[in-house]
Amino acid sequence: PIVKPEVAIKVFNVLTQNISSSKY
């Protein structure tokens, strides 16, 4: 795979946490 699933999930969770924390 071009992107490993476990790495993609980790990055997605970190970005989601950062975006939500910065706004709300």
PDB file of all heavy atoms in Angstrom:
ATOM      1  N   PRO A   1       0.828  -1.214   0.000  1.00  0.00           N
ATOM      2  CA  PRO A   1       0.000   0.000   0.000  1.00  0.00           C
ATOM      3  C   PRO A   1       0.856   1.256   0.000  1.00  0.00           C
ATOM      4  O   PRO A   1       1.948   1.290   0.564  1.00  0.00           O
ATOM      5  CB  PRO A   1      -0.805  -0.123   1.306  1.00  0.00           C
ATOM      6  CG  PRO A   1       0.013  -1.030   2.179  1.00  0.00           C
ATOM      7  CD  PRO A   1       0.706  -1.981   1.238  1.00  0.00           C
ATOM      8  N   ILE A   2       0.360   2.290  -0.680  1.00  0.00           N
ATOM      9  CA  ILE A   2       1.098   3.543  -0.742  1.00  0.00           C
ATOM     10  C   ILE A   2       1.225   4.155   0.651  1.00  0.00           C
ATOM     11  O   ILE A   2       2.262   4.675   1.026  1.00  0.00           O
ATOM     12  CB  ILE A   2       0.378   4.518  -1.698  1.00  0.00           C
ATOM     13  CG1 ILE A   2       0.333   3.920  -3.118  1.00  0.00           C
ATOM     14  CG2 ILE A   2       1.070   5.874  -1.725  1.00  0.00           C
ATOM     15  CD1 ILE A   2      -0.402   4.768  -4.112  1.00  0.00           C
ATOM     16  N   VAL A   3       0.180   4.053   1.427  1.00  0.00           N
ATOM     17  CA  VAL A   3       0.188   4.554   2.798  1.00  0.00           C
ATOM     18  C   VAL A   3      -0.222   3.407   3.716  1.00  0.00           C
ATOM     19  O   VAL A   3      -1.235   2.761   3.478  1.00  0.00           O
ATOM     20  CB  VAL A   3      -0.786   5.737   2.963  1.00  0.00           C
ATOM     21  CG1 VAL A   3      -0.795   6.220   4.398  1.00  0.00           C
ATOM     22  CG2 VAL A   3      -0.409   6.871   2.037  1.00  0.00           C
ATOM     23  N   LYS A   4       0.579   3.139   4.730  1.00  0.00           N
ATOM     24  CA  LYS A   4       0.231   2.080   5.671  1.00  0.00           C
ATOM     25  C   LYS A   4      -1.012   2.482   6.456  1.00  0.00           C
ATOM     26  O   LYS A   4      -1.111   3.611   6.940  1.00  0.00           O
ATOM     27  CB  LYS A   4       1.395   1.818   6.618  1.00  0.00           C
ATOM     28  CG  LYS A   4       2.632   1.254   5.924  1.00  0.00           C
ATOM     29  CD  LYS A   4       3.730   0.963   6.921  1.00  0.00           C
ATOM     30  CE  LYS A   4       4.955   0.358   6.227  1.00  0.00           C
ATOM     31  NZ  LYS A   4       6.046   0.070   7.193  1.00  0.00           N
ATOM     32  N   PRO A   5      -1.982   1.567   6.588  1.00  0.00           N
ATOM     33  CA  PRO A   5      -3.237   1.914   7.272  1.00  0.00           C
ATOM     34  C   PRO A   5      -3.026   2.407   8.693  1.00  0.00           C
ATOM     35  O   PRO A   5      -3.656   3.377   9.114  1.00  0.00           O
ATOM     36  CB  PRO A   5      -4.027   0.600   7.237  1.00  0.00           C
ATOM     37  CG  PRO A   5      -3.448  -0.163   6.100  1.00  0.00           C
ATOM     38  CD  PRO A   5      -1.996   0.210   6.047  1.00  0.00           C
ATOM     39  N   GLU A   6      -2.126   1.750   9.445  1.00  0.00           N
ATOM     40  CA  GLU A   6      -1.951   2.165  10.829  1.00  0.00           C
ATOM     41  C   GLU A   6      -1.347   3.567  10.934  1.00  0.00           C
ATOM     42  O   GLU A   6      -1.698   4.351  11.820  1.00  0.00           O
ATOM     43  CB  GLU A   6      -1.072   1.163  11.585  1.00  0.00           C
ATOM     44  CG  GLU A   6       0.326   0.941  10.987  1.00  0.00           C
ATOM     45  CD  GLU A   6       0.356  -0.117   9.915  1.00  0.00           C
ATOM     46  OE1 GLU A   6      -0.742  -0.551   9.513  1.00  0.00           O
ATOM     47  OE2 GLU A   6       1.447  -0.518   9.501  1.00  0.00           O
ATOM     48  N   VAL A   7      -0.454   3.911   9.980  1.00  0.00           N
ATOM     49  CA  VAL A   7       0.125   5.253   9.979  1.00  0.00           C
ATOM     50  C   VAL A   7      -0.929   6.282   9.594  1.00  0.00           C
ATOM     51  O   VAL A   7      -1.018   7.369  10.186  1.00  0.00           O
ATOM     52  CB  VAL A   7       1.320   5.308   9.012  1.00  0.00           C
ATOM     53  CG1 VAL A   7       1.885   6.730   8.936  1.00  0.00           C
ATOM     54  CG2 VAL A   7       2.409   4.338   9.459  1.00  0.00           C
ATOM     55  N   ALA A   8      -1.762   5.943   8.602  1.00  0.00           N
ATOM     56  CA  ALA A   8      -2.807   6.869   8.175  1.00  0.00           C
ATOM     57  C   ALA A   8      -3.795   7.155   9.303  1.00  0.00           C
ATOM     58  O   ALA A   8      -4.216   8.297   9.516  1.00  0.00           O
ATOM     59  CB  ALA A   8      -3.543   6.301   6.959  1.00  0.00           C
ATOM     60  N   ILE A   9      -4.180   6.113  10.037  1.00  0.00           N
ATOM     61  CA  ILE A   9      -5.125   6.301  11.141  1.00  0.00           C
ATOM     62  C   ILE A   9      -4.510   7.173  12.231  1.00  0.00           C
ATOM     63  O   ILE A   9      -5.168   8.050  12.807  1.00  0.00           O
ATOM     64  CB  ILE A   9      -5.543   4.930  11.706  1.00  0.00           C
ATOM     65  CG1 ILE A   9      -6.375   4.177  10.661  1.00  0.00           C
ATOM     66  CG2 ILE A   9      -6.340   5.089  12.990  1.00  0.00           C
ATOM     67  CD1 ILE A   9      -6.763   2.789  11.089  1.00  0.00           C
ATOM     68  N   LYS A  10      -3.211   6.948  12.514  1.00  0.00           N
ATOM     69  CA  LYS A  10      -2.550   7.736  13.545  1.00  0.00           C
ATOM     70  C   LYS A  10      -2.497   9.211  13.162  1.00  0.00           C
ATOM     71  O   LYS A  10      -2.803  10.101  13.977  1.00  0.00           O
ATOM     72  CB  LYS A  10      -1.143   7.192  13.778  1.00  0.00           C
ATOM     73  CG  LYS A  10      -0.397   7.895  14.904  1.00  0.00           C
ATOM     74  CD  LYS A  10       0.968   7.265  15.128  1.00  0.00           C
ATOM     75  CE  LYS A  10       1.713   7.956  16.262  1.00  0.00           C
ATOM     76  NZ  LYS A  10       3.045   7.363  16.476  1.00  0.00           N
ATOM     77  N   VAL A  11      -2.139   9.493  11.910  1.00  0.00           N
ATOM     78  CA  VAL A  11      -2.068  10.880  11.444  1.00  0.00           C
ATOM     79  C   VAL A  11      -3.463  11.506  11.445  1.00  0.00           C
ATOM     80  O   VAL A  11      -3.646  12.659  11.863  1.00  0.00           O
ATOM     81  CB  VAL A  11      -1.456  10.929  10.033  1.00  0.00           C
ATOM     82  CG1 VAL A  11      -1.543  12.337   9.454  1.00  0.00           C
ATOM     83  CG2 VAL A  11      -0.001  10.477  10.078  1.00  0.00           C
ATOM     84  N   PHE A  12      -4.460  10.743  11.009  1.00  0.00           N
ATOM     85  CA  PHE A  12      -5.825  11.262  10.987  1.00  0.00           C
ATOM     86  C   PHE A  12      -6.302  11.618  12.385  1.00  0.00           C
ATOM     87  O   PHE A  12      -6.933  12.666  12.598  1.00  0.00           O
ATOM     88  CB  PHE A  12      -6.749  10.217  10.357  1.00  0.00           C
ATOM     89  CG  PHE A  12      -8.193  10.622  10.331  1.00  0.00           C
ATOM     90  CD1 PHE A  12      -8.671  11.518   9.383  1.00  0.00           C
ATOM     91  CD2 PHE A  12      -9.081  10.122  11.258  1.00  0.00           C
ATOM     92  CE1 PHE A  12      -9.993  11.897   9.368  1.00  0.00           C
ATOM     93  CE2 PHE A  12     -10.407  10.489  11.245  1.00  0.00           C
ATOM     94  CZ  PHE A  12     -10.862  11.380  10.294  1.00  0.00           C
ATOM     95  N   ASN A  13      -6.014  10.764  13.357  1.00  0.00           N
ATOM     96  CA  ASN A  13      -6.446  11.036  14.728  1.00  0.00           C
ATOM     97  C   ASN A  13      -5.763  12.274  15.298  1.00  0.00           C
ATOM     98  O   ASN A  13      -6.382  13.085  15.991  1.00  0.00           O
ATOM     99  CB  ASN A  13      -6.157   9.821  15.617  1.00  0.00           C
ATOM    100  CG  ASN A  13      -7.039   8.637  15.270  1.00  0.00           C
ATOM    101  OD1 ASN A  13      -8.125   8.807  14.730  1.00  0.00           O
ATOM    102  ND2 ASN A  13      -6.584   7.440  15.573  1.00  0.00           N
ATOM    103  N   VAL A  14      -4.463  12.415  15.004  1.00  0.00           N
ATOM    104  CA  VAL A  14      -3.730  13.580  15.513  1.00  0.00           C
ATOM    105  C   VAL A  14      -4.267  14.872  14.900  1.00  0.00           C
ATOM    106  O   VAL A  14      -4.486  15.877  15.589  1.00  0.00           O
ATOM    107  CB  VAL A  14      -2.224  13.421  15.230  1.00  0.00           C
ATOM    108  CG1 VAL A  14      -1.486  14.705  15.575  1.00  0.00           C
ATOM    109  CG2 VAL A  14      -1.649  12.262  16.030  1.00  0.00           C
ATOM    110  N   LEU A  15      -4.500  14.854  13.570  1.00  0.00           N
ATOM    111  CA  LEU A  15      -5.022  16.046  12.907  1.00  0.00           C
ATOM    112  C   LEU A  15      -6.422  16.390  13.419  1.00  0.00           C
ATOM    113  O   LEU A  15      -6.745  17.565  13.640  1.00  0.00           O
ATOM    114  CB  LEU A  15      -5.061  15.825  11.396  1.00  0.00           C
ATOM    115  CG  LEU A  15      -3.715  15.805  10.683  1.00  0.00           C
ATOM    116  CD1 LEU A  15      -3.900  15.468   9.219  1.00  0.00           C
ATOM    117  CD2 LEU A  15      -2.997  17.135  10.823  1.00  0.00           C
ATOM    118  N   THR A  16      -7.245  15.369  13.589  1.00  0.00           N
ATOM    119  CA  THR A  16      -8.594  15.611  14.099  1.00  0.00           C
ATOM    120  C   THR A  16      -8.558  16.231  15.484  1.00  0.00           C
ATOM    121  O   THR A  16      -9.296  17.170  15.789  1.00  0.00           O
ATOM    122  CB  THR A  16      -9.382  14.291  14.140  1.00  0.00           C
ATOM    123  OG1 THR A  16      -9.402  13.721  12.832  1.00  0.00           O
ATOM    124  CG2 THR A  16     -10.813  14.539  14.608  1.00  0.00           C
ATOM    125  N   GLN A  17      -7.679  15.718  16.332  1.00  0.00           N
ATOM    126  CA  GLN A  17      -7.567  16.251  17.689  1.00  0.00           C
ATOM    127  C   GLN A  17      -7.082  17.694  17.674  1.00  0.00           C
ATOM    128  O   GLN A  17      -7.599  18.554  18.393  1.00  0.00           O
ATOM    129  CB  GLN A  17      -6.607  15.372  18.506  1.00  0.00           C
ATOM    130  CG  GLN A  17      -6.383  15.856  19.932  1.00  0.00           C
ATOM    131  CD  GLN A  17      -7.632  15.749  20.776  1.00  0.00           C
ATOM    132  OE1 GLN A  17      -8.512  14.970  20.445  1.00  0.00           O
ATOM    133  NE2 GLN A  17      -7.722  16.519  21.832  1.00  0.00           N
ATOM    134  N   ASN A  18      -6.085  17.987  16.810  1.00  0.00           N
ATOM    135  CA  ASN A  18      -5.550  19.340  16.752  1.00  0.00           C
ATOM    136  C   ASN A  18      -6.577  20.337  16.221  1.00  0.00           C
ATOM    137  O   ASN A  18      -6.727  21.454  16.740  1.00  0.00           O
ATOM    138  CB  ASN A  18      -4.293  19.370  15.884  1.00  0.00           C
ATOM    139  CG  ASN A  18      -3.136  18.633  16.536  1.00  0.00           C
ATOM    140  OD1 ASN A  18      -3.130  18.416  17.751  1.00  0.00           O
ATOM    141  ND2 ASN A  18      -2.166  18.221  15.746  1.00  0.00           N
ATOM    142  N   ILE A  19      -7.295  19.934  15.162  1.00  0.00           N
ATOM    143  CA  ILE A  19      -8.270  20.842  14.563  1.00  0.00           C
ATOM    144  C   ILE A  19      -9.410  21.120  15.532  1.00  0.00           C
ATOM    145  O   ILE A  19      -9.831  22.261  15.723  1.00  0.00           O
ATOM    146  CB  ILE A  19      -8.812  20.254  13.248  1.00  0.00           C
ATOM    147  CG1 ILE A  19      -7.683  20.198  12.198  1.00  0.00           C
ATOM    148  CG2 ILE A  19      -9.980  21.082  12.718  1.00  0.00           C
ATOM    149  CD1 ILE A  19      -8.072  19.473  10.936  1.00  0.00           C
ATOM    150  N   SER A  20      -9.920  20.062  16.149  1.00  0.00           N
ATOM    151  CA  SER A  20     -11.034  20.255  17.071  1.00  0.00           C
ATOM    152  C   SER A  20     -10.614  21.050  18.298  1.00  0.00           C
ATOM    153  O   SER A  20     -11.361  21.884  18.808  1.00  0.00           O
ATOM    154  CB  SER A  20     -11.604  18.897  17.497  1.00  0.00           C
ATOM    155  OG  SER A  20     -10.604  18.135  18.165  1.00  0.00           O
ATOM    156  N   SER A  21      -9.394  20.814  18.772  1.00  0.00           N
ATOM    157  CA  SER A  21      -8.946  21.528  19.972  1.00  0.00           C
ATOM    158  C   SER A  21      -8.701  23.005  19.680  1.00  0.00           C
ATOM    159  O   SER A  21      -8.947  23.857  20.527  1.00  0.00           O
ATOM    160  CB  SER A  21      -7.671  20.875  20.519  1.00  0.00           C
ATOM    161  OG  SER A  21      -6.621  20.969  19.566  1.00  0.00           O
ATOM    162  N   SER A  22      -8.228  23.315  18.482  1.00  0.00           N
ATOM    163  CA  SER A  22      -7.927  24.709  18.162  1.00  0.00           C
ATOM    164  C   SER A  22      -9.185  25.535  17.953  1.00  0.00           C
ATOM    165  O   SER A  22      -9.166  26.751  18.108  1.00  0.00           O
ATOM    166  CB  SER A  22      -7.063  24.786  16.900  1.00  0.00           C
ATOM    167  OG  SER A  22      -7.766  24.230  15.798  1.00  0.00           O
ATOM    168  N   LYS A  23     -10.315  24.887  17.617  1.00  0.00           N
ATOM    169  CA  LYS A  23     -11.533  25.640  17.321  1.00  0.00           C
ATOM    170  C   LYS A  23     -12.526  25.656  18.472  1.00  0.00           C
ATOM    171  O   LYS A  23     -13.179  26.659  18.729  1.00  0.00           O
ATOM    172  CB  LYS A  23     -12.228  25.047  16.081  1.00  0.00           C
ATOM    173  CG  LYS A  23     -11.532  25.406  14.784  1.00  0.00           C
ATOM    174  CD  LYS A  23     -12.385  24.963  13.606  1.00  0.00           C
ATOM    175  CE  LYS A  23     -11.746  25.394  12.296  1.00  0.00           C
ATOM    176  NZ  LYS A  23     -12.569  25.013  11.135  1.00  0.00           N
ATOM    177  N   TYR A  24     -12.647  24.520  19.169  1.00  0.00           N
ATOM    178  CA  TYR A  24     -13.765  24.411  20.080  1.00  0.00           C
ATOM    179  C   TYR A  24     -13.408  24.127  21.526  1.00  0.00           C
ATOM    180  O   TYR A  24     -14.278  24.116  22.378  1.00  0.00           O
ATOM    181  CB  TYR A  24     -14.721  23.299  19.611  1.00  0.00           C
ATOM    182  CG  TYR A  24     -15.246  23.517  18.229  1.00  0.00           C
ATOM    183  CD1 TYR A  24     -14.837  22.714  17.186  1.00  0.00           C
ATOM    184  CD2 TYR A  24     -16.157  24.530  17.963  1.00  0.00           C
ATOM    185  CE1 TYR A  24     -15.319  22.913  15.900  1.00  0.00           C
ATOM    186  CE2 TYR A  24     -16.642  24.741  16.690  1.00  0.00           C
ATOM    187  CZ  TYR A  24     -16.226  23.926  15.666  1.00  0.00           C
ATOM    188  OH  TYR A  24     -16.703  24.130  14.413  1.00  0.00           O
TER     189      TYR A  24
END
